[in-house]
Protein backbone atom coordinates (compact mmCIF):
# COMPACT_ATOMS: atom_id res chain seq x y z
CA MET A 1 0.00 0.00 0.00
CA HIS A 2 2.81 2.45 0.87
CA LYS A 3 5.61 0.63 -0.95
CA GLY A 4 7.01 3.74 -2.63
CA PHE A 5 7.24 5.59 0.69
CA TYR A 6 9.11 2.76 2.43
CA ASP A 7 11.34 2.06 -0.59
CA GLY A 8 12.40 5.72 -0.45
CA ILE A 9 13.31 5.42 3.22
CA LEU A 10 15.32 2.27 2.56
CA LYS A 11 17.17 3.95 -0.30
CA GLN A 12 18.06 6.95 1.88
CA GLN A 13 19.28 4.71 4.68
CA ALA A 14 21.39 2.62 2.31
CA GLN A 15 23.21 5.79 1.29
CA LYS A 16 24.06 6.74 4.88
CA ARG A 17 26.75 5.12 6.97
CA SER A 18 25.46 3.39 10.05
CA ARG A 19 26.46 4.94 13.36
CA ASP A 20 25.58 1.75 15.21
CA ALA A 21 28.06 -0.98 15.99
CA THR A 22 25.26 -3.48 15.45
CA LYS A 23 26.16 -6.18 12.97
CA ALA A 24 22.54 -7.23 12.35
CA SER A 25 20.95 -6.55 9.00
CA VAL A 26 17.52 -6.19 10.60
CA LEU A 27 16.53 -4.80 14.00
CA LEU A 28 13.11 -5.30 15.54
CA ILE A 29 11.41 -2.93 17.92
CA SER A 30 7.95 -3.77 19.16
CA GLY A 31 5.12 -1.99 20.92
CA CYS A 32 4.75 -4.68 23.56
CA MET A 33 6.15 -7.88 25.01
CA ASP A 34 4.75 -11.28 24.01
CA ASN A 35 2.62 -11.40 27.15
CA GLN A 36 1.21 -7.88 26.66
CA THR A 37 -1.15 -6.11 24.29
CA SER A 38 -0.42 -2.87 22.45
CA SER A 39 -2.32 0.32 23.21
CA ASP A 40 -4.27 2.22 20.59
CA GLY A 41 -3.75 5.88 19.85
CA ALA A 42 -5.87 8.40 17.98
CA PHE A 43 -4.32 7.63 14.57
CA ASN A 44 -1.53 5.11 15.11
CA GLY A 45 -0.94 2.78 18.00
CA LEU A 46 0.63 4.37 21.07
CA PHE A 47 4.05 2.91 20.29
CA THR A 48 4.01 3.96 16.62
CA GLY A 49 2.88 7.48 17.53
CA THR A 50 5.65 7.76 20.11
CA LEU A 51 8.23 6.40 17.65
CA LEU A 52 7.18 8.97 15.07
CA ARG A 53 7.51 11.82 17.58
CA VAL A 54 11.03 10.70 18.50
CA TRP A 55 11.95 10.16 14.81
CA ASN A 56 10.78 13.77 14.22
CA GLY A 57 10.47 13.50 10.46
CA GLY A 58 13.98 12.07 10.13
CA LYS A 59 15.68 14.70 12.30
CA PHE A 60 16.59 12.17 15.00
CA ARG A 61 20.34 11.65 15.26
CA GLY A 62 21.83 8.87 17.29
CA SER A 63 22.25 5.16 17.62
CA TYR A 64 19.58 2.49 17.60
CA MET A 65 19.94 2.17 21.38
CA LYS A 66 19.47 5.91 21.88
CA PHE A 67 16.40 5.80 19.63
CA TRP A 68 14.94 2.86 21.56
CA LYS A 69 15.66 4.51 24.94
CA GLN A 70 14.02 7.80 23.94
CA ILE A 71 10.92 5.94 22.77
CA SER A 72 10.82 3.85 25.96
CA GLN A 73 11.17 6.92 28.19
CA ARG A 74 8.09 8.50 26.58
CA MET A 75 5.93 5.41 26.95
CA PRO A 76 3.77 4.80 30.05
CA PRO A 77 5.00 2.20 32.56
CA LYS A 78 4.63 -1.26 31.12
CA LYS A 79 1.53 -3.14 32.29
CA THR A 80 1.04 -6.83 31.70
CA GLN A 81 -2.55 -7.43 30.65
């Protein structure tokens, strides 16, 4: 559905050098643990909305870990449901 949008992001990222020391070709971040459920937001899920605010239209600068930590800090305390 949004293939062109995501292909553009991948192309931009392929042109940049990674600042992470991670050797993985794919990293996964998730909105909840296996024993939890994700929370909805007004447009996106709570996690996706928070991720987008941290990403700030591509202005975020930092490592994967810094990105993950900033998202986590803005999320409510984790609740197992």
